[in-house]
């Protein structure tokens, strides 16, 4: 298992298995669950359900990144998520916030969020790297080549994997140079972001190579994305395919998976964990 990033001292999470980040979209326009959890009480109830089903971290997002979605100001984003984050922290949840805005990151960390999950990898907001450095939060640096569907999106098709690795190296250096310690950094290969369906699958298949060349804990986010939908016919099958990806990611040592429906993914990760343990026992007996 790849090492865990260093959280603030009061946070105690399992270190012997792949963790689950449960997605909580406080948005009207997310591609799969927009509008369902806009009220604080609905958001908290869903967060409780995510944790009951196996989520270790609740990842709160207030701005959709689906193709064609409207970009928000930090103030608009905070109006959606600030009361939710405060309520979740008060309820004892381990909270991550999915944001590209430095001001949002500062506010939610002051509220008690312990992870900044920036899908732009500190690229969209020039102040984000400094905000990350000034916090004590774990930071997730996602591979980034522009907002999905935007004019500045640089889509990858062939030879995606070496580009993803090279881009992530550069993105990591930005936050390291700003003062973020290595032990607080995790990375996300950005499946579905600026990648064709094939490029996303190629990137996922190259997870062992990515982990070898980038010595950071890896977050895999495949849940309900277009490249998964492309291989199945029903929403139920999408969840099954996501669980399979979680199992394979866990088998290869991913630190965490980010999913909408934790229960099936928790079972898949448990199976992968036992498979790894069986393999180790067999190898030790030889």
C-alpha atoms as a PDB file:
ATOM      1  CA  UNK A   1       0.000   0.000   0.000  1.00  0.00           C
ATOM      2  CA  UNK A   2       1.298   3.460  -0.896  1.00  0.00           C
ATOM      3  CA  UNK A   3       1.951   5.681   2.132  1.00  0.00           C
ATOM      4  CA  UNK A   4      -0.792   7.984   3.351  1.00  0.00           C
ATOM      5  CA  UNK A   5      -0.466  11.765   3.207  1.00  0.00           C
ATOM      6  CA  UNK A   6      -0.070  13.605   6.496  1.00  0.00           C
ATOM      7  CA  UNK A   7      -3.338  14.995   7.831  1.00  0.00           C
ATOM      8  CA  UNK A   8      -3.650  17.378  10.782  1.00  0.00           C
ATOM      9  CA  UNK A   9      -2.946  15.466  13.993  1.00  0.00           C
ATOM     10  CA  UNK A  10      -6.535  15.003  15.138  1.00  0.00           C
ATOM     11  CA  UNK A  11      -7.495  13.042  11.991  1.00  0.00           C
ATOM     12  CA  UNK A  12      -7.178   9.281  12.310  1.00  0.00           C
ATOM     13  CA  UNK A  13      -7.852   7.280   9.140  1.00  0.00           C
ATOM     14  CA  UNK A  14      -7.090   3.639   8.278  1.00  0.00           C
ATOM     15  CA  UNK A  15      -3.657   3.095   6.770  1.00  0.00           C
ATOM     16  CA  UNK A  16      -3.981  -0.594   5.864  1.00  0.00           C
ATOM     17  CA  UNK A  17      -6.415  -0.290   2.948  1.00  0.00           C
ATOM     18  CA  UNK A  18      -7.510   1.998   0.141  1.00  0.00           C
ATOM     19  CA  UNK A  19      -9.734   4.757   1.506  1.00  0.00           C
ATOM     20  CA  UNK A  20     -13.063   5.914   0.099  1.00  0.00           C
ATOM     21  CA  UNK A  21     -13.911   9.535  -0.572  1.00  0.00           C
ATOM     22  CA  UNK A  22     -17.684   9.900  -0.763  1.00  0.00           C
ATOM     23  CA  UNK A  23     -18.859  12.575  -3.191  1.00  0.00           C
ATOM     24  CA  UNK A  24     -21.323  15.192  -1.922  1.00  0.00           C
ATOM     25  CA  UNK A  25     -22.308  17.618  -4.685  1.00  0.00           C
ATOM     26  CA  UNK A  26     -24.012  20.718  -3.345  1.00  0.00           C
ATOM     27  CA  UNK A  27     -24.809  21.893  -6.857  1.00  0.00           C
ATOM     28  CA  UNK A  28     -27.865  22.328  -9.079  1.00  0.00           C
ATOM     29  CA  UNK A  29     -26.073  21.164 -12.218  1.00  0.00           C
ATOM     30  CA  UNK A  30     -23.707  18.244 -11.535  1.00  0.00           C
ATOM     31  CA  UNK A  31     -24.036  15.546 -14.175  1.00  0.00           C
ATOM     32  CA  UNK A  32     -25.392  12.758 -11.956  1.00  0.00           C
ATOM     33  CA  UNK A  33     -26.915  14.223  -8.792  1.00  0.00           C
ATOM     34  CA  UNK A  34     -27.283  17.957  -9.309  1.00  0.00           C
ATOM     35  CA  UNK A  35     -29.944  19.594  -7.168  1.00  0.00           C
ATOM     36  CA  UNK A  36     -30.507  16.727  -4.754  1.00  0.00           C
ATOM     37  CA  UNK A  37     -28.555  18.082  -1.778  1.00  0.00           C
ATOM     38  CA  UNK A  38     -28.894  21.864  -1.939  1.00  0.00           C
ATOM     39  CA  UNK A  39     -30.520  22.164   1.494  1.00  0.00           C
ATOM     40  CA  UNK A  40     -28.070  21.810   4.386  1.00  0.00           C
ATOM     41  CA  UNK A  41     -30.163  19.161   6.110  1.00  0.00           C
ATOM     42  CA  UNK A  42     -30.334  17.083   2.915  1.00  0.00           C
ATOM     43  CA  UNK A  43     -26.583  17.413   2.404  1.00  0.00           C
ATOM     44  CA  UNK A  44     -25.818  16.352   5.982  1.00  0.00           C
ATOM     45  CA  UNK A  45     -28.227  13.424   5.747  1.00  0.00           C
ATOM     46  CA  UNK A  46     -26.533  12.250   2.559  1.00  0.00           C
ATOM     47  CA  UNK A  47     -23.070  12.665   4.097  1.00  0.00           C
ATOM     48  CA  UNK A  48     -24.171  10.486   7.012  1.00  0.00           C
ATOM     49  CA  UNK A  49     -25.375   7.877   4.512  1.00  0.00           C
ATOM     50  CA  UNK A  50     -22.070   7.988   2.622  1.00  0.00           C
ATOM     51  CA  UNK A  51     -20.160   7.308   5.842  1.00  0.00           C
ATOM     52  CA  UNK A  52     -22.549   4.541   6.880  1.00  0.00           C
ATOM     53  CA  UNK A  53     -21.873   2.886   3.514  1.00  0.00           C
ATOM     54  CA  UNK A  54     -18.110   3.022   3.954  1.00  0.00           C
ATOM     55  CA  UNK A  55     -16.842   6.498   3.103  1.00  0.00           C
ATOM     56  CA  UNK A  56     -13.849   7.620   5.160  1.00  0.00           C
ATOM     57  CA  UNK A  57     -13.836  11.188   3.819  1.00  0.00           C
ATOM     58  CA  UNK A  58     -16.739  13.344   2.630  1.00  0.00           C
ATOM     59  CA  UNK A  59     -15.708  15.371  -0.431  1.00  0.00           C
ATOM     60  CA  UNK A  60     -17.949  18.457  -0.724  1.00  0.00           C
ATOM     61  CA  UNK A  61     -18.244  20.254  -4.055  1.00  0.00           C
ATOM     62  CA  UNK A  62     -20.175  23.411  -4.879  1.00  0.00           C
ATOM     63  CA  UNK A  63     -19.153  23.979  -8.500  1.00  0.00           C
ATOM     64  CA  UNK A  64     -19.883  21.518 -11.289  1.00  0.00           C
ATOM     65  CA  UNK A  65     -17.099  20.725 -13.762  1.00  0.00           C
ATOM     66  CA  UNK A  66     -19.281  18.909 -16.278  1.00  0.00           C
ATOM     67  CA  UNK A  67     -18.758  20.138 -19.870  1.00  0.00           C
ATOM     68  CA  UNK A  68     -20.563  23.423 -20.442  1.00  0.00           C
ATOM     69  CA  UNK A  69     -21.177  24.160 -16.755  1.00  0.00           C
ATOM     70  CA  UNK A  70     -21.078  27.760 -15.561  1.00  0.00           C
ATOM     71  CA  UNK A  71     -18.002  28.899 -13.677  1.00  0.00           C
ATOM     72  CA  UNK A  72     -18.716  30.319 -10.227  1.00  0.00           C
ATOM     73  CA  UNK A  73     -17.090  33.007  -8.156  1.00  0.00           C
ATOM     74  CA  UNK A  74     -15.677  31.951  -4.814  1.00  0.00           C
ATOM     75  CA  UNK A  75     -18.482  33.863  -3.088  1.00  0.00           C
ATOM     76  CA  UNK A  76     -21.187  31.955  -4.980  1.00  0.00           C
ATOM     77  CA  UNK A  77     -19.447  28.684  -4.188  1.00  0.00           C
ATOM     78  CA  UNK A  78     -19.169  29.522  -0.488  1.00  0.00           C
ATOM     79  CA  UNK A  79     -22.849  30.403  -0.284  1.00  0.00           C
ATOM     80  CA  UNK A  80     -23.541  26.805  -1.294  1.00  0.00           C
ATOM     81  CA  UNK A  81     -20.955  24.922   0.714  1.00  0.00           C
ATOM     82  CA  UNK A  82     -19.933  26.955   3.764  1.00  0.00           C
ATOM     83  CA  UNK A  83     -22.926  25.982   5.960  1.00  0.00           C
ATOM     84  CA  UNK A  84     -22.616  22.368   4.805  1.00  0.00           C
ATOM     85  CA  UNK A  85     -18.912  22.155   5.639  1.00  0.00           C
ATOM     86  CA  UNK A  86     -19.518  23.749   9.041  1.00  0.00           C
ATOM     87  CA  UNK A  87     -22.289  21.258   9.814  1.00  0.00           C
ATOM     88  CA  UNK A  88     -20.242  18.256   8.696  1.00  0.00           C
ATOM     89  CA  UNK A  89     -17.205  19.286  10.732  1.00  0.00           C
ATOM     90  CA  UNK A  90     -19.430  19.840  13.765  1.00  0.00           C
ATOM     91  CA  UNK A  91     -20.825  16.343  13.206  1.00  0.00           C
ATOM     92  CA  UNK A  92     -17.351  14.800  13.321  1.00  0.00           C
ATOM     93  CA  UNK A  93     -16.920  14.020   9.628  1.00  0.00           C
ATOM     94  CA  UNK A  94     -13.534  14.144   7.905  1.00  0.00           C
ATOM     95  CA  UNK A  95     -14.175  16.802   5.259  1.00  0.00           C
ATOM     96  CA  UNK A  96     -12.521  17.444   1.917  1.00  0.00           C
ATOM     97  CA  UNK A  97     -13.591  20.332  -0.303  1.00  0.00           C
ATOM     98  CA  UNK A  98     -13.534  20.105  -4.084  1.00  0.00           C
ATOM     99  CA  UNK A  99     -12.643  23.642  -5.195  1.00  0.00           C
ATOM    100  CA  UNK A 100     -10.441  25.539  -7.633  1.00  0.00           C
ATOM    101  CA  UNK A 101     -10.748  28.806  -5.668  1.00  0.00           C
ATOM    102  CA  UNK A 102      -8.020  29.885  -3.248  1.00  0.00           C
ATOM    103  CA  UNK A 103     -10.391  32.016  -1.147  1.00  0.00           C
ATOM    104  CA  UNK A 104     -12.798  29.094  -0.786  1.00  0.00           C
ATOM    105  CA  UNK A 105      -9.926  26.842   0.265  1.00  0.00           C
ATOM    106  CA  UNK A 106      -8.858  29.267   2.983  1.00  0.00           C
ATOM    107  CA  UNK A 107     -12.378  29.671   4.353  1.00  0.00           C
ATOM    108  CA  UNK A 108     -13.207  25.962   4.486  1.00  0.00           C
ATOM    109  CA  UNK A 109      -9.865  25.088   6.091  1.00  0.00           C
ATOM    110  CA  UNK A 110     -10.618  27.685   8.790  1.00  0.00           C
ATOM    111  CA  UNK A 111     -13.951  25.885   9.271  1.00  0.00           C
ATOM    112  CA  UNK A 112     -12.165  22.560   9.794  1.00  0.00           C
ATOM    113  CA  UNK A 113     -11.887  20.928   6.364  1.00  0.00           C
ATOM    114  CA  UNK A 114      -8.698  18.857   6.229  1.00  0.00           C
ATOM    115  CA  UNK A 115      -8.313  18.283   2.490  1.00  0.00           C
ATOM    116  CA  UNK A 116      -8.269  20.603  -0.525  1.00  0.00           C
ATOM    117  CA  UNK A 117      -9.222  18.636  -3.628  1.00  0.00           C
ATOM    118  CA  UNK A 118      -8.426  20.953  -6.552  1.00  0.00           C
ATOM    119  CA  UNK A 119      -9.369  19.460  -9.926  1.00  0.00           C
ATOM    120  CA  UNK A 120      -7.145  22.067 -11.575  1.00  0.00           C
ATOM    121  CA  UNK A 121      -4.138  21.030  -9.518  1.00  0.00           C
ATOM    122  CA  UNK A 122      -3.536  24.651  -8.396  1.00  0.00           C
ATOM    123  CA  UNK A 123      -3.623  25.875 -11.997  1.00  0.00           C
ATOM    124  CA  UNK A 124      -6.978  27.683 -12.293  1.00  0.00           C
ATOM    125  CA  UNK A 125      -6.377  30.183  -9.481  1.00  0.00           C
ATOM    126  CA  UNK A 126      -2.874  31.692  -9.271  1.00  0.00           C
ATOM    127  CA  UNK A 127      -3.322  32.130  -5.508  1.00  0.00           C
ATOM    128  CA  UNK A 128      -4.209  28.502  -4.815  1.00  0.00           C
ATOM    129  CA  UNK A 129      -0.673  27.169  -4.304  1.00  0.00           C
ATOM    130  CA  UNK A 130      -0.043  29.799  -1.612  1.00  0.00           C
ATOM    131  CA  UNK A 131      -3.400  29.021   0.022  1.00  0.00           C
ATOM    132  CA  UNK A 132      -2.478  25.357   0.114  1.00  0.00           C
ATOM    133  CA  UNK A 133       0.899  26.147   1.653  1.00  0.00           C
ATOM    134  CA  UNK A 134      -0.655  28.333   4.342  1.00  0.00           C
ATOM    135  CA  UNK A 135      -3.029  25.564   5.420  1.00  0.00           C
ATOM    136  CA  UNK A 136      -2.301  22.312   7.219  1.00  0.00           C
ATOM    137  CA  UNK A 137      -4.593  20.384   4.862  1.00  0.00           C
ATOM    138  CA  UNK A 138      -3.769  17.501   2.583  1.00  0.00           C
ATOM    139  CA  UNK A 139      -3.870  18.737  -1.014  1.00  0.00           C
ATOM    140  CA  UNK A 140      -4.940  16.687  -4.021  1.00  0.00           C
ATOM    141  CA  UNK A 141      -3.228  17.781  -7.223  1.00  0.00           C
ATOM    142  CA  UNK A 142      -5.232  16.581 -10.209  1.00  0.00           C
ATOM    143  CA  UNK A 143      -3.893  16.404 -13.730  1.00  0.00           C
ATOM    144  CA  UNK A 144      -5.259  19.442 -15.535  1.00  0.00           C
ATOM    145  CA  UNK A 145      -5.474  20.704 -19.098  1.00  0.00           C
ATOM    146  CA  UNK A 146      -8.406  23.119 -18.863  1.00  0.00           C
ATOM    147  CA  UNK A 147     -12.060  23.015 -17.828  1.00  0.00           C
ATOM    148  CA  UNK A 148     -14.025  20.274 -19.645  1.00  0.00           C
ATOM    149  CA  UNK A 149     -15.655  21.592 -22.783  1.00  0.00           C
ATOM    150  CA  UNK A 150     -13.962  25.001 -22.554  1.00  0.00           C
ATOM    151  CA  UNK A 151     -12.005  26.726 -25.306  1.00  0.00           C
ATOM    152  CA  UNK A 152      -8.747  26.255 -23.375  1.00  0.00           C
ATOM    153  CA  UNK A 153      -9.161  22.508 -22.814  1.00  0.00           C
ATOM    154  CA  UNK A 154      -6.229  20.646 -24.380  1.00  0.00           C
ATOM    155  CA  UNK A 155      -7.635  17.204 -25.090  1.00  0.00           C
ATOM    156  CA  UNK A 156      -5.377  14.160 -24.871  1.00  0.00           C
ATOM    157  CA  UNK A 157      -5.850  11.156 -27.139  1.00  0.00           C
ATOM    158  CA  UNK A 158      -2.729   9.214 -28.140  1.00  0.00           C
ATOM    159  CA  UNK A 159       0.335   9.026 -25.887  1.00  0.00           C
ATOM    160  CA  UNK A 160      -1.681  10.275 -22.925  1.00  0.00           C
ATOM    161  CA  UNK A 161       0.293   8.559 -20.181  1.00  0.00           C
ATOM    162  CA  UNK A 162       3.710  10.239 -20.584  1.00  0.00           C
ATOM    163  CA  UNK A 163       1.954  13.598 -20.925  1.00  0.00           C
ATOM    164  CA  UNK A 164      -0.055  13.032 -17.739  1.00  0.00           C
ATOM    165  CA  UNK A 165       3.096  12.134 -15.831  1.00  0.00           C
ATOM    166  CA  UNK A 166       5.078  15.102 -17.182  1.00  0.00           C
ATOM    167  CA  UNK A 167       2.225  17.535 -16.520  1.00  0.00           C
ATOM    168  CA  UNK A 168       1.758  16.266 -12.966  1.00  0.00           C
ATOM    169  CA  UNK A 169       5.484  16.663 -12.297  1.00  0.00           C
ATOM    170  CA  UNK A 170       5.203  20.337 -13.287  1.00  0.00           C
ATOM    171  CA  UNK A 171       2.033  20.898 -11.286  1.00  0.00           C
ATOM    172  CA  UNK A 172       3.557  19.332  -8.184  1.00  0.00           C
ATOM    173  CA  UNK A 173       6.611  21.554  -8.457  1.00  0.00           C
ATOM    174  CA  UNK A 174       4.386  24.634  -8.386  1.00  0.00           C
ATOM    175  CA  UNK A 175       2.855  23.736  -5.018  1.00  0.00           C
ATOM    176  CA  UNK A 176       6.156  22.467  -3.623  1.00  0.00           C
ATOM    177  CA  UNK A 177       7.836  25.755  -4.568  1.00  0.00           C
ATOM    178  CA  UNK A 178       5.000  27.582  -2.801  1.00  0.00           C
ATOM    179  CA  UNK A 179       5.848  25.712   0.398  1.00  0.00           C
ATOM    180  CA  UNK A 180       3.575  22.638   0.433  1.00  0.00           C
ATOM    181  CA  UNK A 181       5.450  19.753   2.047  1.00  0.00           C
ATOM    182  CA  UNK A 182       5.707  16.496   0.104  1.00  0.00           C
ATOM    183  CA  UNK A 183       3.970  14.569   2.882  1.00  0.00           C
ATOM    184  CA  UNK A 184       0.811  16.651   2.421  1.00  0.00           C
ATOM    185  CA  UNK A 185       0.528  16.013  -1.339  1.00  0.00           C
ATOM    186  CA  UNK A 186      -1.654  13.429  -3.067  1.00  0.00           C
ATOM    187  CA  UNK A 187      -2.211  13.203  -6.816  1.00  0.00           C
ATOM    188  CA  UNK A 188      -5.109  12.373  -9.118  1.00  0.00           C
ATOM    189  CA  UNK A 189      -4.551  11.404 -12.788  1.00  0.00           C
ATOM    190  CA  UNK A 190      -7.714  13.295 -13.777  1.00  0.00           C
ATOM    191  CA  UNK A 191      -9.669  10.530 -15.476  1.00  0.00           C
ATOM    192  CA  UNK A 192     -12.235  12.038 -17.830  1.00  0.00           C
ATOM    193  CA  UNK A 193     -10.644  15.490 -17.709  1.00  0.00           C
ATOM    194  CA  UNK A 194      -9.179  16.595 -21.073  1.00  0.00           C
ATOM    195  CA  UNK A 195      -8.966  12.964 -22.152  1.00  0.00           C
ATOM    196  CA  UNK A 196     -10.796  10.893 -24.718  1.00  0.00           C
ATOM    197  CA  UNK A 197     -12.457   7.677 -23.593  1.00  0.00           C
ATOM    198  CA  UNK A 198      -9.459   5.629 -24.716  1.00  0.00           C
ATOM    199  CA  UNK A 199      -7.002   8.046 -23.120  1.00  0.00           C
ATOM    200  CA  UNK A 200      -8.811   7.752 -19.786  1.00  0.00           C
ATOM    201  CA  UNK A 201      -8.667   3.959 -19.915  1.00  0.00           C
ATOM    202  CA  UNK A 202      -4.985   4.089 -20.935  1.00  0.00           C
ATOM    203  CA  UNK A 203      -4.235   6.382 -18.003  1.00  0.00           C
ATOM    204  CA  UNK A 204      -6.050   4.082 -15.612  1.00  0.00           C
ATOM    205  CA  UNK A 205      -4.222   1.021 -16.975  1.00  0.00           C
ATOM    206  CA  UNK A 206      -0.929   2.842 -16.415  1.00  0.00           C
ATOM    207  CA  UNK A 207      -1.597   3.336 -12.699  1.00  0.00           C
ATOM    208  CA  UNK A 208       1.408   1.189 -11.644  1.00  0.00           C
ATOM    209  CA  UNK A 209       3.705   3.226 -13.914  1.00  0.00           C
ATOM    210  CA  UNK A 210       2.306   6.495 -12.623  1.00  0.00           C
ATOM    211  CA  UNK A 211       2.802   5.378  -9.020  1.00  0.00           C
ATOM    212  CA  UNK A 212       6.353   4.314  -9.787  1.00  0.00           C
ATOM    213  CA  UNK A 213       7.301   7.639 -11.370  1.00  0.00           C
ATOM    214  CA  UNK A 214       5.388   9.946  -9.007  1.00  0.00           C
ATOM    215  CA  UNK A 215       6.065   9.031  -5.345  1.00  0.00           C
ATOM    216  CA  UNK A 216       2.806  10.381  -3.934  1.00  0.00           C
ATOM    217  CA  UNK A 217      -0.431   8.796  -2.706  1.00  0.00           C
ATOM    218  CA  UNK A 218      -2.855   8.419  -5.616  1.00  0.00           C
ATOM    219  CA  UNK A 219      -6.577   9.195  -5.718  1.00  0.00           C
ATOM    220  CA  UNK A 220      -8.592   7.475  -8.461  1.00  0.00           C
ATOM    221  CA  UNK A 221     -11.832   9.186  -9.496  1.00  0.00           C
ATOM    222  CA  UNK A 222     -13.776   7.155 -12.055  1.00  0.00           C
ATOM    223  CA  UNK A 223     -17.272   7.214 -10.606  1.00  0.00           C
ATOM    224  CA  UNK A 224     -20.053   7.823 -13.179  1.00  0.00           C
ATOM    225  CA  UNK A 225     -17.684   9.391 -15.682  1.00  0.00           C
ATOM    226  CA  UNK A 226     -18.215   9.288 -19.417  1.00  0.00           C
ATOM    227  CA  UNK A 227     -15.428   6.795 -20.096  1.00  0.00           C
ATOM    228  CA  UNK A 228     -17.122   4.322 -17.731  1.00  0.00           C
ATOM    229  CA  UNK A 229     -20.589   4.973 -19.151  1.00  0.00           C
ATOM    230  CA  UNK A 230     -19.155   4.206 -22.597  1.00  0.00           C
ATOM    231  CA  UNK A 231     -18.707   0.500 -21.787  1.00  0.00           C
ATOM    232  CA  UNK A 232     -22.024  -0.239 -20.065  1.00  0.00           C
ATOM    233  CA  UNK A 233     -25.734   0.092 -20.791  1.00  0.00           C
ATOM    234  CA  UNK A 234     -27.453   0.986 -17.496  1.00  0.00           C
ATOM    235  CA  UNK A 235     -26.851   3.143 -14.391  1.00  0.00           C
ATOM    236  CA  UNK A 236     -26.661  -0.024 -12.287  1.00  0.00           C
ATOM    237  CA  UNK A 237     -23.928  -1.356 -14.540  1.00  0.00           C
ATOM    238  CA  UNK A 238     -22.024   1.917 -14.170  1.00  0.00           C
ATOM    239  CA  UNK A 239     -21.881   1.375 -10.411  1.00  0.00           C
ATOM    240  CA  UNK A 240     -20.671  -2.207 -10.908  1.00  0.00           C
ATOM    241  CA  UNK A 241     -17.989  -1.072 -13.340  1.00  0.00           C
ATOM    242  CA  UNK A 242     -16.889   1.631 -10.888  1.00  0.00           C
ATOM    243  CA  UNK A 243     -16.572  -0.967  -8.117  1.00  0.00           C
ATOM    244  CA  UNK A 244     -14.418  -3.101 -10.413  1.00  0.00           C
ATOM    245  CA  UNK A 245     -12.167  -0.112 -11.055  1.00  0.00           C
ATOM    246  CA  UNK A 246     -11.960   0.503  -7.302  1.00  0.00           C
ATOM    247  CA  UNK A 247     -10.921  -3.112  -6.720  1.00  0.00           C
ATOM    248  CA  UNK A 248      -8.210  -2.933  -9.372  1.00  0.00           C
ATOM    249  CA  UNK A 249      -7.035   0.440  -8.072  1.00  0.00           C
ATOM    250  CA  UNK A 250      -6.831  -0.971  -4.553  1.00  0.00           C
ATOM    251  CA  UNK A 251      -4.963  -4.043  -5.803  1.00  0.00           C
ATOM    252  CA  UNK A 252      -2.347  -1.765  -7.379  1.00  0.00           C
ATOM    253  CA  UNK A 253      -1.986   0.331  -4.219  1.00  0.00           C
ATOM    254  CA  UNK A 254      -4.095   3.440  -4.762  1.00  0.00           C
ATOM    255  CA  UNK A 255      -4.425   5.461  -1.573  1.00  0.00           C
ATOM    256  CA  UNK A 256      -8.079   6.428  -2.159  1.00  0.00           C
ATOM    257  CA  UNK A 257     -10.961   6.182  -4.606  1.00  0.00           C
ATOM    258  CA  UNK A 258     -13.543   8.947  -5.044  1.00  0.00           C
ATOM    259  CA  UNK A 259     -17.059   7.583  -5.590  1.00  0.00           C
ATOM    260  CA  UNK A 260     -20.742   8.458  -5.429  1.00  0.00           C
ATOM    261  CA  UNK A 261     -21.952   5.135  -3.960  1.00  0.00           C
ATOM    262  CA  UNK A 262     -19.485   3.803  -1.353  1.00  0.00           C
ATOM    263  CA  UNK A 263     -21.133   0.512  -0.411  1.00  0.00           C
ATOM    264  CA  UNK A 264     -20.261  -1.593  -3.449  1.00  0.00           C
ATOM    265  CA  UNK A 265     -16.847   0.019  -3.671  1.00  0.00           C
ATOM    266  CA  UNK A 266     -16.104  -0.796  -0.023  1.00  0.00           C
ATOM    267  CA  UNK A 267     -16.897  -4.445  -0.710  1.00  0.00           C
ATOM    268  CA  UNK A 268     -14.724  -4.419  -3.825  1.00  0.00           C
ATOM    269  CA  UNK A 269     -11.819  -2.893  -1.916  1.00  0.00           C
ATOM    270  CA  UNK A 270     -12.198  -5.481   0.854  1.00  0.00           C
ATOM    271  CA  UNK A 271     -12.005  -8.262  -1.741  1.00  0.00           C
ATOM    272  CA  UNK A 272      -8.914  -6.724  -3.317  1.00  0.00           C
ATOM    273  CA  UNK A 273      -7.307  -6.410   0.109  1.00  0.00           C
ATOM    274  CA  UNK A 274      -7.829 -10.114   0.791  1.00  0.00           C
ATOM    275  CA  UNK A 275      -6.467 -10.989  -2.646  1.00  0.00           C
ATOM    276  CA  UNK A 276      -3.296  -8.995  -1.918  1.00  0.00           C
ATOM    277  CA  UNK A 277      -2.960 -10.648   1.483  1.00  0.00           C
ATOM    278  CA  UNK A 278      -3.357 -14.092  -0.091  1.00  0.00           C
ATOM    279  CA  UNK A 279      -0.726 -13.259  -2.678  1.00  0.00           C
ATOM    280  CA  UNK A 280       1.671 -12.137   0.046  1.00  0.00           C
ATOM    281  CA  UNK A 281       1.098 -15.325   2.037  1.00  0.00           C
ATOM    282  CA  UNK A 282       1.771 -17.474  -1.027  1.00  0.00           C
ATOM    283  CA  UNK A 283       4.909 -15.511  -1.885  1.00  0.00           C
ATOM    284  CA  UNK A 284       6.208 -15.747   1.688  1.00  0.00           C
ATOM    285  CA  UNK A 285       5.675 -19.488   1.649  1.00  0.00           C
ATOM    286  CA  UNK A 286       7.808 -20.020  -1.406  1.00  0.00           C
END
